[in-house]
Full PDB file with SEQRES, HELIX, SHEET, SSBOND, CRYST1, ORIGX, SCALE, CONECT and MASTER records, all heavy atoms in Angstrom:
SEQRES   1 A   35  CYS LEU GLY CYS ILE THR LYS SER LYS THR LYS ASP HIS          
SEQRES   2 A   35  HIS THR ASN VAL ASN ASN LYS ARG ILE CYS LYS GLU GLY          
SEQRES   3 A   35  PRO VAL PHE ASP ALA LYS GLU VAL MET                          
HELIX    1 AA1 ALA A   31  GLU A   33  5                                   3    
SHEET    1 AA1 2 ILE A   5  LYS A   7  0                                        
SHEET    2 AA1 2 ASN A  19  ARG A  21 -1                                        
CRYST1    1.000    1.000    1.000  90.00  90.00  90.00 P 1           1          
ORIGX1      1.000000  0.000000  0.000000        0.00000                         
ORIGX2      0.000000  1.000000  0.000000        0.00000                         
ORIGX3      0.000000  0.000000  1.000000        0.00000                         
SCALE1      1.000000  0.000000  0.000000        0.00000                         
SCALE2      0.000000  1.000000  0.000000        0.00000                         
SCALE3      0.000000  0.000000  1.000000        0.00000                         
ATOM      1  N   CYS A   1       0.793  -1.239   0.042  1.00  0.00           N  
ATOM      2  CA  CYS A   1      -0.034  -0.026   0.014  1.00  0.00           C  
ATOM      3  C   CYS A   1       0.819   1.289  -0.016  1.00  0.00           C  
ATOM      4  O   CYS A   1       0.272   2.339  -0.183  1.00  0.00           O  
ATOM      5  CB  CYS A   1      -0.934   0.031   1.191  1.00  0.00           C  
ATOM      6  SG  CYS A   1      -0.171   0.269   2.755  1.00  0.00           S  
ATOM      7  N   LEU A   2       2.149   1.179   0.267  1.00  0.00           N  
ATOM      8  CA  LEU A   2       3.072   2.355   0.278  1.00  0.00           C  
ATOM      9  C   LEU A   2       2.581   3.388   1.337  1.00  0.00           C  
ATOM     10  O   LEU A   2       2.827   4.549   1.204  1.00  0.00           O  
ATOM     11  CB  LEU A   2       3.093   2.989  -1.106  1.00  0.00           C  
ATOM     12  CG  LEU A   2       3.491   2.117  -2.261  1.00  0.00           C  
ATOM     13  CD1 LEU A   2       3.589   2.895  -3.572  1.00  0.00           C  
ATOM     14  CD2 LEU A   2       4.836   1.431  -2.054  1.00  0.00           C  
ATOM     15  N   GLY A   3       2.002   2.944   2.391  1.00  0.00           N  
ATOM     16  CA  GLY A   3       1.503   3.803   3.449  1.00  0.00           C  
ATOM     17  C   GLY A   3       2.569   4.119   4.577  1.00  0.00           C  
ATOM     18  O   GLY A   3       2.300   5.019   5.401  1.00  0.00           O  
ATOM     19  N   CYS A   4       3.679   3.407   4.494  1.00  0.00           N  
ATOM     20  CA  CYS A   4       4.700   3.630   5.559  1.00  0.00           C  
ATOM     21  C   CYS A   4       6.059   3.939   4.949  1.00  0.00           C  
ATOM     22  O   CYS A   4       7.015   3.161   5.051  1.00  0.00           O  
ATOM     23  CB  CYS A   4       4.795   2.441   6.524  1.00  0.00           C  
ATOM     24  SG  CYS A   4       5.188   0.894   5.657  1.00  0.00           S  
ATOM     25  N   ILE A   5       6.129   5.003   4.230  1.00  0.00           N  
ATOM     26  CA  ILE A   5       7.312   5.379   3.477  1.00  0.00           C  
ATOM     27  C   ILE A   5       8.202   6.325   4.314  1.00  0.00           C  
ATOM     28  O   ILE A   5       7.831   7.205   5.077  1.00  0.00           O  
ATOM     29  CB  ILE A   5       6.876   6.162   2.195  1.00  0.00           C  
ATOM     30  CG1 ILE A   5       6.067   5.213   1.249  1.00  0.00           C  
ATOM     31  CG2 ILE A   5       8.096   6.722   1.474  1.00  0.00           C  
ATOM     32  CD1 ILE A   5       6.829   4.078   0.695  1.00  0.00           C  
ATOM     33  N   THR A   6       9.505   6.055   4.160  1.00  0.00           N  
ATOM     34  CA  THR A   6      10.548   6.902   4.665  1.00  0.00           C  
ATOM     35  C   THR A   6      11.435   7.425   3.546  1.00  0.00           C  
ATOM     36  O   THR A   6      11.705   6.585   2.576  1.00  0.00           O  
ATOM     37  CB  THR A   6      11.343   6.275   5.773  1.00  0.00           C  
ATOM     38  OG1 THR A   6      12.245   7.257   6.370  1.00  0.00           O  
ATOM     39  CG2 THR A   6      12.202   5.149   5.263  1.00  0.00           C  
ATOM     40  N   LYS A   7      11.906   8.605   3.596  1.00  0.00           N  
ATOM     41  CA  LYS A   7      12.775   9.075   2.533  1.00  0.00           C  
ATOM     42  C   LYS A   7      14.199   8.403   2.699  1.00  0.00           C  
ATOM     43  O   LYS A   7      14.713   8.296   3.794  1.00  0.00           O  
ATOM     44  CB  LYS A   7      13.001  10.588   2.674  1.00  0.00           C  
ATOM     45  CG  LYS A   7      11.747  11.384   2.279  1.00  0.00           C  
ATOM     46  CD  LYS A   7      11.370  11.243   0.821  1.00  0.00           C  
ATOM     47  CE  LYS A   7      10.228  12.095   0.469  1.00  0.00           C  
ATOM     48  NZ  LYS A   7       9.863  11.885  -1.014  1.00  0.00           N  
ATOM     49  N   SER A   8      14.733   8.112   1.605  1.00  0.00           N  
ATOM     50  CA  SER A   8      16.023   7.377   1.568  1.00  0.00           C  
ATOM     51  C   SER A   8      17.048   8.035   0.605  1.00  0.00           C  
ATOM     52  O   SER A   8      16.687   8.775  -0.291  1.00  0.00           O  
ATOM     53  CB  SER A   8      15.883   5.870   1.249  1.00  0.00           C  
ATOM     54  OG  SER A   8      15.348   5.796  -0.125  1.00  0.00           O  
ATOM     55  N   LYS A   9      18.299   7.739   0.802  1.00  0.00           N  
ATOM     56  CA  LYS A   9      19.322   8.316  -0.055  1.00  0.00           C  
ATOM     57  C   LYS A   9      19.537   7.562  -1.302  1.00  0.00           C  
ATOM     58  O   LYS A   9      20.081   8.022  -2.300  1.00  0.00           O  
ATOM     59  CB  LYS A   9      20.700   8.378   0.736  1.00  0.00           C  
ATOM     60  CG  LYS A   9      20.671   9.308   1.890  1.00  0.00           C  
ATOM     61  CD  LYS A   9      21.936   9.327   2.698  1.00  0.00           C  
ATOM     62  CE  LYS A   9      21.785  10.232   3.911  1.00  0.00           C  
ATOM     63  NZ  LYS A   9      23.074  10.186   4.664  1.00  0.00           N  
ATOM     64  N   THR A  10      18.944   6.317  -1.384  1.00  0.00           N  
ATOM     65  CA  THR A  10      19.061   5.518  -2.602  1.00  0.00           C  
ATOM     66  C   THR A  10      17.664   5.277  -3.135  1.00  0.00           C  
ATOM     67  O   THR A  10      16.671   5.360  -2.353  1.00  0.00           O  
ATOM     68  CB  THR A  10      19.711   4.123  -2.342  1.00  0.00           C  
ATOM     69  OG1 THR A  10      18.964   3.446  -1.319  1.00  0.00           O  
ATOM     70  CG2 THR A  10      21.142   4.345  -1.916  1.00  0.00           C  
ATOM     71  N   LYS A  11      17.497   4.972  -4.378  1.00  0.00           N  
ATOM     72  CA  LYS A  11      16.201   4.772  -4.999  1.00  0.00           C  
ATOM     73  C   LYS A  11      15.608   3.451  -4.719  1.00  0.00           C  
ATOM     74  O   LYS A  11      16.397   2.424  -4.645  1.00  0.00           O  
ATOM     75  CB  LYS A  11      16.303   4.978  -6.548  1.00  0.00           C  
ATOM     76  CG  LYS A  11      16.520   6.374  -6.971  1.00  0.00           C  
ATOM     77  CD  LYS A  11      16.373   6.555  -8.497  1.00  0.00           C  
ATOM     78  CE  LYS A  11      16.688   7.968  -8.974  1.00  0.00           C  
ATOM     79  NZ  LYS A  11      15.730   8.876  -8.426  1.00  0.00           N  
ATOM     80  N   ASP A  12      14.387   3.291  -4.458  1.00  0.00           N  
ATOM     81  CA  ASP A  12      13.709   2.056  -4.181  1.00  0.00           C  
ATOM     82  C   ASP A  12      13.434   1.400  -5.504  1.00  0.00           C  
ATOM     83  O   ASP A  12      12.819   2.073  -6.414  1.00  0.00           O  
ATOM     84  CB  ASP A  12      12.362   2.398  -3.462  1.00  0.00           C  
ATOM     85  CG  ASP A  12      11.575   1.159  -3.220  1.00  0.00           C  
ATOM     86  OD1 ASP A  12      12.082   0.041  -3.206  1.00  0.00           O  
ATOM     87  OD2 ASP A  12      10.303   1.267  -3.091  1.00  0.00           O  
ATOM     88  N   HIS A  13      13.764   0.163  -5.697  1.00  0.00           N  
ATOM     89  CA  HIS A  13      13.529  -0.578  -6.932  1.00  0.00           C  
ATOM     90  C   HIS A  13      12.032  -0.775  -7.231  1.00  0.00           C  
ATOM     91  O   HIS A  13      11.609  -0.963  -8.354  1.00  0.00           O  
ATOM     92  CB  HIS A  13      14.230  -1.951  -6.911  1.00  0.00           C  
ATOM     93  CG  HIS A  13      15.678  -1.850  -6.765  1.00  0.00           C  
ATOM     94  ND1 HIS A  13      16.474  -1.182  -7.743  1.00  0.00           N  
ATOM     95  CD2 HIS A  13      16.596  -2.299  -5.854  1.00  0.00           C  
ATOM     96  CE1 HIS A  13      17.769  -1.270  -7.443  1.00  0.00           C  
ATOM     97  NE2 HIS A  13      17.855  -1.908  -6.190  1.00  0.00           N  
ATOM     98  N   HIS A  14      11.216  -0.638  -6.116  1.00  0.00           N  
ATOM     99  CA  HIS A  14       9.756  -0.882  -6.288  1.00  0.00           C  
ATOM    100  C   HIS A  14       9.105   0.439  -6.942  1.00  0.00           C  
ATOM    101  O   HIS A  14       8.269   0.211  -7.786  1.00  0.00           O  
ATOM    102  CB  HIS A  14       9.135  -1.160  -4.931  1.00  0.00           C  
ATOM    103  CG  HIS A  14       7.727  -1.466  -4.976  1.00  0.00           C  
ATOM    104  ND1 HIS A  14       7.198  -2.660  -5.445  1.00  0.00           N  
ATOM    105  CD2 HIS A  14       6.577  -0.714  -4.573  1.00  0.00           C  
ATOM    106  CE1 HIS A  14       5.831  -2.617  -5.334  1.00  0.00           C  
ATOM    107  NE2 HIS A  14       5.480  -1.467  -4.836  1.00  0.00           N  
ATOM    108  N   THR A  15       9.530   1.574  -6.483  1.00  0.00           N  
ATOM    109  CA  THR A  15       8.889   2.846  -6.926  1.00  0.00           C  
ATOM    110  C   THR A  15       9.815   3.660  -7.743  1.00  0.00           C  
ATOM    111  O   THR A  15       9.335   4.640  -8.427  1.00  0.00           O  
ATOM    112  CB  THR A  15       8.441   3.628  -5.689  1.00  0.00           C  
ATOM    113  OG1 THR A  15       9.632   3.935  -4.949  1.00  0.00           O  
ATOM    114  CG2 THR A  15       7.497   2.858  -4.881  1.00  0.00           C  
ATOM    115  N   ASN A  16      11.091   3.375  -7.804  1.00  0.00           N  
ATOM    116  CA  ASN A  16      12.131   4.139  -8.594  1.00  0.00           C  
ATOM    117  C   ASN A  16      12.245   5.561  -8.094  1.00  0.00           C  
ATOM    118  O   ASN A  16      12.562   6.441  -8.862  1.00  0.00           O  
ATOM    119  CB  ASN A  16      11.850   4.034 -10.074  1.00  0.00           C  
ATOM    120  CG  ASN A  16      13.130   4.397 -10.874  1.00  0.00           C  
ATOM    121  OD1 ASN A  16      14.196   4.027 -10.483  1.00  0.00           O  
ATOM    122  ND2 ASN A  16      12.918   5.119 -12.034  1.00  0.00           N  
ATOM    123  N   VAL A  17      11.963   5.802  -6.848  1.00  0.00           N  
ATOM    124  CA  VAL A  17      12.110   7.136  -6.231  1.00  0.00           C  
ATOM    125  C   VAL A  17      12.841   6.887  -4.883  1.00  0.00           C  
ATOM    126  O   VAL A  17      13.110   5.796  -4.544  1.00  0.00           O  
ATOM    127  CB  VAL A  17      10.773   7.827  -5.975  1.00  0.00           C  
ATOM    128  CG1 VAL A  17      10.137   8.205  -7.291  1.00  0.00           C  
ATOM    129  CG2 VAL A  17       9.872   7.050  -5.148  1.00  0.00           C  
ATOM    130  N   ASN A  18      13.212   8.057  -4.248  1.00  0.00           N  
ATOM    131  CA  ASN A  18      14.050   7.881  -3.068  1.00  0.00           C  
ATOM    132  C   ASN A  18      13.162   7.638  -1.820  1.00  0.00           C  
ATOM    133  O   ASN A  18      13.084   8.447  -0.913  1.00  0.00           O  
ATOM    134  CB  ASN A  18      14.877   9.128  -2.853  1.00  0.00           C  
ATOM    135  CG  ASN A  18      15.935   9.312  -3.859  1.00  0.00           C  
ATOM    136  OD1 ASN A  18      15.742   9.717  -5.003  1.00  0.00           O  
ATOM    137  ND2 ASN A  18      17.200   8.913  -3.497  1.00  0.00           N  
ATOM    138  N   ASN A  19      12.469   6.512  -1.912  1.00  0.00           N  
ATOM    139  CA  ASN A  19      11.614   6.092  -0.821  1.00  0.00           C  
ATOM    140  C   ASN A  19      11.940   4.644  -0.376  1.00  0.00           C  
ATOM    141  O   ASN A  19      12.409   3.874  -1.230  1.00  0.00           O  
ATOM    142  CB  ASN A  19      10.129   6.116  -1.194  1.00  0.00           C  
ATOM    143  CG  ASN A  19       9.595   7.505  -1.359  1.00  0.00           C  
ATOM    144  OD1 ASN A  19      10.074   8.447  -0.660  1.00  0.00           O  
ATOM    145  ND2 ASN A  19       8.561   7.695  -2.123  1.00  0.00           N  
ATOM    146  N   LYS A  20      11.763   4.282   0.850  1.00  0.00           N  
ATOM    147  CA  LYS A  20      11.766   2.937   1.278  1.00  0.00           C  
ATOM    148  C   LYS A  20      10.520   2.580   2.114  1.00  0.00           C  
ATOM    149  O   LYS A  20      10.033   3.423   2.873  1.00  0.00           O  
ATOM    150  CB  LYS A  20      12.996   2.714   2.250  1.00  0.00           C  
ATOM    151  CG  LYS A  20      14.344   2.927   1.554  1.00  0.00           C  
ATOM    152  CD  LYS A  20      14.739   1.902   0.548  1.00  0.00           C  
ATOM    153  CE  LYS A  20      16.156   2.105   0.032  1.00  0.00           C  
ATOM    154  NZ  LYS A  20      16.493   1.137  -1.033  1.00  0.00           N  
ATOM    155  N   ARG A  21      10.017   1.406   1.899  1.00  0.00           N  
ATOM    156  CA  ARG A  21       8.843   0.997   2.630  1.00  0.00           C  
ATOM    157  C   ARG A  21       9.330   0.407   4.022  1.00  0.00           C  
ATOM    158  O   ARG A  21      10.040  -0.607   4.062  1.00  0.00           O  
ATOM    159  CB  ARG A  21       8.124  -0.065   1.866  1.00  0.00           C  
ATOM    160  CG  ARG A  21       7.498   0.423   0.563  1.00  0.00           C  
ATOM    161  CD  ARG A  21       7.116  -0.735  -0.391  1.00  0.00           C  
ATOM    162  NE  ARG A  21       8.248  -1.444  -0.806  1.00  0.00           N  
ATOM    163  CZ  ARG A  21       8.194  -2.617  -1.513  1.00  0.00           C  
ATOM    164  NH1 ARG A  21       6.977  -3.023  -1.923  1.00  0.00           N  
ATOM    165  NH2 ARG A  21       9.273  -3.279  -1.922  1.00  0.00           N  
ATOM    166  N   ILE A  22       8.891   1.030   5.081  1.00  0.00           N  
ATOM    167  CA  ILE A  22       9.338   0.641   6.451  1.00  0.00           C  
ATOM    168  C   ILE A  22       8.949  -0.835   6.658  1.00  0.00           C  
ATOM    169  O   ILE A  22       9.712  -1.639   7.302  1.00  0.00           O  
ATOM    170  CB  ILE A  22       8.857   1.554   7.519  1.00  0.00           C  
ATOM    171  CG1 ILE A  22       9.485   2.902   7.308  1.00  0.00           C  
ATOM    172  CG2 ILE A  22       9.044   1.065   8.909  1.00  0.00           C  
ATOM    173  CD1 ILE A  22       8.972   4.008   8.233  1.00  0.00           C  
ATOM    174  N   CYS A  23       7.745  -1.281   6.261  1.00  0.00           N  
ATOM    175  CA  CYS A  23       7.275  -2.587   6.589  1.00  0.00           C  
ATOM    176  C   CYS A  23       7.991  -3.646   5.735  1.00  0.00           C  
ATOM    177  O   CYS A  23       8.048  -4.821   6.049  1.00  0.00           O  
ATOM    178  CB  CYS A  23       5.793  -2.674   6.351  1.00  0.00           C  
ATOM    179  SG  CYS A  23       5.235  -2.652   4.663  1.00  0.00           S  
ATOM    180  N   LYS A  24       8.624  -3.245   4.607  1.00  0.00           N  
ATOM    181  CA  LYS A  24       9.168  -4.246   3.701  1.00  0.00           C  
ATOM    182  C   LYS A  24      10.667  -4.134   3.668  1.00  0.00           C  
ATOM    183  O   LYS A  24      11.372  -5.124   3.978  1.00  0.00           O  
ATOM    184  CB  LYS A  24       8.604  -3.988   2.253  1.00  0.00           C  
ATOM    185  CG  LYS A  24       8.937  -5.016   1.278  1.00  0.00           C  
ATOM    186  CD  LYS A  24       8.197  -6.326   1.516  1.00  0.00           C  
ATOM    187  CE  LYS A  24       8.449  -7.355   0.416  1.00  0.00           C  
ATOM    188  NZ  LYS A  24       7.708  -8.625   0.728  1.00  0.00           N  
ATOM    189  N   GLU A  25      11.242  -2.986   3.258  1.00  0.00           N  
ATOM    190  CA  GLU A  25      12.710  -2.888   3.323  1.00  0.00           C  
ATOM    191  C   GLU A  25      13.234  -2.724   4.716  1.00  0.00           C  
ATOM    192  O   GLU A  25      14.374  -3.024   5.010  1.00  0.00           O  
ATOM    193  CB  GLU A  25      13.176  -1.659   2.442  1.00  0.00           C  
ATOM    194  CG  GLU A  25      13.120  -1.906   0.964  1.00  0.00           C  
ATOM    195  CD  GLU A  25      11.697  -1.755   0.380  1.00  0.00           C  
ATOM    196  OE1 GLU A  25      10.909  -0.871   0.805  1.00  0.00           O  
ATOM    197  OE2 GLU A  25      11.376  -2.617  -0.578  1.00  0.00           O  
ATOM    198  N   GLY A  26      12.378  -2.201   5.581  1.00  0.00           N  
ATOM    199  CA  GLY A  26      12.693  -2.144   7.068  1.00  0.00           C  
ATOM    200  C   GLY A  26      11.995  -3.181   7.881  1.00  0.00           C  
ATOM    201  O   GLY A  26      11.671  -4.247   7.235  1.00  0.00           O  
ATOM    202  N   PRO A  27      11.668  -2.946   9.092  1.00  0.00           N  
ATOM    203  CA  PRO A  27      11.814  -1.651   9.778  1.00  0.00           C  
ATOM    204  C   PRO A  27      13.299  -1.229  10.135  1.00  0.00           C  
ATOM    205  O   PRO A  27      13.513  -0.121  10.487  1.00  0.00           O  
ATOM    206  CB  PRO A  27      10.986  -1.845  11.028  1.00  0.00           C  
ATOM    207  CG  PRO A  27      10.978  -3.222  11.320  1.00  0.00           C  
ATOM    208  CD  PRO A  27      11.023  -3.951   9.972  1.00  0.00           C  
ATOM    209  N   VAL A  28      14.259  -2.244   9.967  1.00  0.00           N  
ATOM    210  CA  VAL A  28      15.599  -1.928  10.303  1.00  0.00           C  
ATOM    211  C   VAL A  28      16.340  -1.435   9.106  1.00  0.00           C  
ATOM    212  O   VAL A  28      16.402  -2.151   8.070  1.00  0.00           O  
ATOM    213  CB  VAL A  28      16.329  -3.135  10.926  1.00  0.00           C  
ATOM    214  CG1 VAL A  28      17.761  -2.851  11.238  1.00  0.00           C  
ATOM    215  CG2 VAL A  28      15.594  -3.563  12.233  1.00  0.00           C  
ATOM    216  N   PHE A  29      17.026  -0.309   9.282  1.00  0.00           N  
ATOM    217  CA  PHE A  29      17.770   0.235   8.139  1.00  0.00           C  
ATOM    218  C   PHE A  29      19.175   0.655   8.628  1.00  0.00           C  
ATOM    219  O   PHE A  29      19.420   0.940   9.901  1.00  0.00           O  
ATOM    220  CB  PHE A  29      17.156   1.547   7.620  1.00  0.00           C  
ATOM    221  CG  PHE A  29      15.805   1.382   7.011  1.00  0.00           C  
ATOM    222  CD1 PHE A  29      14.647   1.551   7.692  1.00  0.00           C  
ATOM    223  CD2 PHE A  29      15.739   1.061   5.652  1.00  0.00           C  
ATOM    224  CE1 PHE A  29      13.361   1.382   7.081  1.00  0.00           C  
ATOM    225  CE2 PHE A  29      14.530   0.916   5.035  1.00  0.00           C  
ATOM    226  CZ  PHE A  29      13.327   1.120   5.745  1.00  0.00           C  
ATOM    227  N   ASP A  30      20.116   0.735   7.718  1.00  0.00           N  
ATOM    228  CA  ASP A  30      21.397   1.334   8.058  1.00  0.00           C  
ATOM    229  C   ASP A  30      21.080   2.796   8.181  1.00  0.00           C  
ATOM    230  O   ASP A  30      20.457   3.442   7.299  1.00  0.00           O  
ATOM    231  CB  ASP A  30      22.394   1.140   6.814  1.00  0.00           C  
ATOM    232  CG  ASP A  30      23.780   1.684   7.100  1.00  0.00           C  
ATOM    233  OD1 ASP A  30      23.880   2.752   7.735  1.00  0.00           O  
ATOM    234  OD2 ASP A  30      24.740   1.096   6.650  1.00  0.00           O  
ATOM    235  N   ALA A  31      21.555   3.413   9.265  1.00  0.00           N  
ATOM    236  CA  ALA A  31      21.189   4.851   9.479  1.00  0.00           C  
ATOM    237  C   ALA A  31      21.685   5.776   8.385  1.00  0.00           C  
ATOM    238  O   ALA A  31      21.070   6.790   8.148  1.00  0.00           O  
ATOM    239  CB  ALA A  31      21.811   5.301  10.803  1.00  0.00           C  
ATOM    240  N   LYS A  32      22.723   5.394   7.650  1.00  0.00           N  
ATOM    241  CA  LYS A  32      23.267   6.179   6.586  1.00  0.00           C  
ATOM    242  C   LYS A  32      22.271   6.223   5.352  1.00  0.00           C  
ATOM    243  O   LYS A  32      22.435   7.023   4.544  1.00  0.00           O  
ATOM    244  CB  LYS A  32      24.595   5.662   6.116  1.00  0.00           C  
ATOM    245  CG  LYS A  32      25.735   5.904   7.081  1.00  0.00           C  
ATOM    246  CD  LYS A  32      27.081   5.430   6.543  1.00  0.00           C  
ATOM    247  CE  LYS A  32      28.233   5.779   7.468  1.00  0.00           C  
ATOM    248  NZ  LYS A  32      28.226   5.141   8.742  1.00  0.00           N  
ATOM    249  N   GLU A  33      21.313   5.303   5.292  1.00  0.00           N  
ATOM    250  CA  GLU A  33      20.414   5.244   4.152  1.00  0.00           C  
ATOM    251  C   GLU A  33      19.180   6.096   4.377  1.00  0.00           C  
ATOM    252  O   GLU A  33      18.444   6.333   3.401  1.00  0.00           O  
ATOM    253  CB  GLU A  33      19.996   3.752   3.979  1.00  0.00           C  
ATOM    254  CG  GLU A  33      21.090   2.914   3.350  1.00  0.00           C  
ATOM    255  CD  GLU A  33      21.596   3.380   2.048  1.00  0.00           C  
ATOM    256  OE1 GLU A  33      20.676   3.585   1.118  1.00  0.00           O  
ATOM    257  OE2 GLU A  33      22.820   3.570   1.783  1.00  0.00           O  
ATOM    258  N   VAL A  34      18.892   6.511   5.618  1.00  0.00           N  
ATOM    259  CA  VAL A  34      17.715   7.184   5.895  1.00  0.00           C  
ATOM    260  C   VAL A  34      17.888   8.684   5.867  1.00  0.00           C  
ATOM    261  O   VAL A  34      18.838   9.217   6.410  1.00  0.00           O  
ATOM    262  CB  VAL A  34      17.089   6.715   7.267  1.00  0.00           C  
ATOM    263  CG1 VAL A  34      15.880   7.535   7.591  1.00  0.00           C  
ATOM    264  CG2 VAL A  34      16.828   5.225   7.251  1.00  0.00           C  
ATOM    265  N   MET A  35      16.924   9.438   5.294  1.00  0.00           N  
ATOM    266  CA  MET A  35      16.980  10.869   5.295  1.00  0.00           C  
ATOM    267  C   MET A  35      15.956  11.387   6.390  1.00  0.00           C  
ATOM    268  O   MET A  35      14.762  11.194   6.258  1.00  0.00           O  
ATOM    269  CB  MET A  35      16.622  11.481   3.986  1.00  0.00           C  
ATOM    270  CG  MET A  35      17.609  11.112   2.824  1.00  0.00           C  
ATOM    271  SD  MET A  35      17.116  11.687   1.188  1.00  0.00           S  
ATOM    272  CE  MET A  35      17.178  13.445   1.453  1.00  0.00           C  
TER     273      MET A  35                                                      
MASTER        0    0    0    1    2    0    0    6  272    1    0    3          
END                                                                             
């Protein structure tokens, strides 16, 4: 649903924009990847 998006420094392959889905790519991220 793309309802839990966080801005990221790299493009998401799912949306091709600088977003990451917290429920899918996260909830754990490398801090350097999150804006």
